[in-house]
């Protein structure tokens, strides 16, 4: 199952998979695999994504629907 959260967050920042991969110091194929649901990022990369996307790690992992617990929207 596709990871729509990673796709939407990447697109929200107007990044290609290759650009996101470069920012995270990983490969474009890793990013593609996360987005296509073939695997998940390591805890370290999930943390980096959380900072880059400015959202909660639990949101990225699909455990909560709110991007950031501090968001009022």
C-alpha atoms as a PDB file:
ATOM      1  CA  UNK A   1       0.000   0.000   0.000  1.00  0.00           C
ATOM      2  CA  UNK A   2       1.337   3.415  -0.955  1.00  0.00           C
ATOM      3  CA  UNK A   3       2.469   5.724   1.812  1.00  0.00           C
ATOM      4  CA  UNK A   4       0.406   8.774   0.904  1.00  0.00           C
ATOM      5  CA  UNK A   5       1.801  10.740   3.841  1.00  0.00           C
ATOM      6  CA  UNK A   6       5.396  10.653   2.580  1.00  0.00           C
ATOM      7  CA  UNK A   7       4.240  11.457  -0.943  1.00  0.00           C
ATOM      8  CA  UNK A   8       2.128  14.428   0.141  1.00  0.00           C
ATOM      9  CA  UNK A   9       4.795  15.799   2.494  1.00  0.00           C
ATOM     10  CA  UNK A  10       7.466  15.561  -0.197  1.00  0.00           C
ATOM     11  CA  UNK A  11       5.210  17.258  -2.731  1.00  0.00           C
ATOM     12  CA  UNK A  12       4.207  19.914  -0.178  1.00  0.00           C
ATOM     13  CA  UNK A  13       7.879  20.967  -0.149  1.00  0.00           C
ATOM     14  CA  UNK A  14       8.035  20.736  -3.965  1.00  0.00           C
ATOM     15  CA  UNK A  15      10.794  18.124  -3.807  1.00  0.00           C
ATOM     16  CA  UNK A  16      11.470  15.293  -6.211  1.00  0.00           C
ATOM     17  CA  UNK A  17      12.343  11.888  -4.814  1.00  0.00           C
ATOM     18  CA  UNK A  18      15.965  12.540  -5.777  1.00  0.00           C
ATOM     19  CA  UNK A  19      16.015  15.912  -4.013  1.00  0.00           C
ATOM     20  CA  UNK A  20      14.518  14.431  -0.847  1.00  0.00           C
ATOM     21  CA  UNK A  21      16.997  11.562  -0.960  1.00  0.00           C
ATOM     22  CA  UNK A  22      19.892  14.018  -1.220  1.00  0.00           C
ATOM     23  CA  UNK A  23      18.636  16.017   1.783  1.00  0.00           C
ATOM     24  CA  UNK A  24      18.374  12.788   3.800  1.00  0.00           C
ATOM     25  CA  UNK A  25      21.671  11.359   2.530  1.00  0.00           C
ATOM     26  CA  UNK A  26      19.990   8.243   1.159  1.00  0.00           C
ATOM     27  CA  UNK A  27      19.156   6.886  -2.285  1.00  0.00           C
ATOM     28  CA  UNK A  28      16.243   7.856  -4.497  1.00  0.00           C
ATOM     29  CA  UNK A  29      15.254   4.180  -4.631  1.00  0.00           C
ATOM     30  CA  UNK A  30      14.903   4.167  -0.817  1.00  0.00           C
ATOM     31  CA  UNK A  31      12.518   7.122  -1.009  1.00  0.00           C
ATOM     32  CA  UNK A  32      10.578   5.407  -3.813  1.00  0.00           C
ATOM     33  CA  UNK A  33      10.357   2.213  -1.752  1.00  0.00           C
ATOM     34  CA  UNK A  34       8.984   4.131   1.266  1.00  0.00           C
ATOM     35  CA  UNK A  35       6.404   5.879  -0.897  1.00  0.00           C
ATOM     36  CA  UNK A  36       5.360   2.621  -2.568  1.00  0.00           C
ATOM     37  CA  UNK A  37       5.056   0.857   0.787  1.00  0.00           C
ATOM     38  CA  UNK A  38       7.786  -1.698   0.152  1.00  0.00           C
ATOM     39  CA  UNK A  39       9.674  -0.718   3.308  1.00  0.00           C
ATOM     40  CA  UNK A  40       9.911   1.992   5.944  1.00  0.00           C
ATOM     41  CA  UNK A  41      12.716   4.373   6.821  1.00  0.00           C
ATOM     42  CA  UNK A  42      14.985   3.670   9.781  1.00  0.00           C
ATOM     43  CA  UNK A  43      14.317   5.548  13.009  1.00  0.00           C
ATOM     44  CA  UNK A  44      17.188   7.920  12.171  1.00  0.00           C
ATOM     45  CA  UNK A  45      15.755   8.732   8.753  1.00  0.00           C
ATOM     46  CA  UNK A  46      12.230   8.985  10.143  1.00  0.00           C
ATOM     47  CA  UNK A  47      13.519  11.570  12.621  1.00  0.00           C
ATOM     48  CA  UNK A  48      15.229  13.521   9.824  1.00  0.00           C
ATOM     49  CA  UNK A  49      12.014  13.414   7.781  1.00  0.00           C
ATOM     50  CA  UNK A  50      10.032  14.637  10.760  1.00  0.00           C
ATOM     51  CA  UNK A  51      12.324  17.650  11.136  1.00  0.00           C
ATOM     52  CA  UNK A  52      12.429  18.368   7.402  1.00  0.00           C
ATOM     53  CA  UNK A  53       8.651  18.049   7.008  1.00  0.00           C
ATOM     54  CA  UNK A  54       8.021  19.826  10.329  1.00  0.00           C
ATOM     55  CA  UNK A  55       5.606  17.159  11.494  1.00  0.00           C
ATOM     56  CA  UNK A  56       5.289  14.533  14.187  1.00  0.00           C
ATOM     57  CA  UNK A  57       6.988  11.146  13.683  1.00  0.00           C
ATOM     58  CA  UNK A  58       3.769   9.412  14.706  1.00  0.00           C
ATOM     59  CA  UNK A  59       2.003  11.176  11.849  1.00  0.00           C
ATOM     60  CA  UNK A  60       4.663  10.042   9.379  1.00  0.00           C
ATOM     61  CA  UNK A  61       4.372   6.476  10.663  1.00  0.00           C
ATOM     62  CA  UNK A  62       0.591   6.587  10.238  1.00  0.00           C
ATOM     63  CA  UNK A  63      -0.262   6.313  13.934  1.00  0.00           C
ATOM     64  CA  UNK A  64      -2.003   9.671  14.204  1.00  0.00           C
ATOM     65  CA  UNK A  65      -3.974  11.838  11.798  1.00  0.00           C
ATOM     66  CA  UNK A  66      -2.767  15.202  13.050  1.00  0.00           C
ATOM     67  CA  UNK A  67       0.463  16.455  11.381  1.00  0.00           C
ATOM     68  CA  UNK A  68       1.712  18.070  14.563  1.00  0.00           C
ATOM     69  CA  UNK A  69       0.260  17.844  18.040  1.00  0.00           C
ATOM     70  CA  UNK A  70       0.764  21.598  18.389  1.00  0.00           C
ATOM     71  CA  UNK A  71      -1.365  22.298  15.299  1.00  0.00           C
ATOM     72  CA  UNK A  72      -4.714  23.799  16.089  1.00  0.00           C
ATOM     73  CA  UNK A  73      -6.053  22.954  12.587  1.00  0.00           C
END
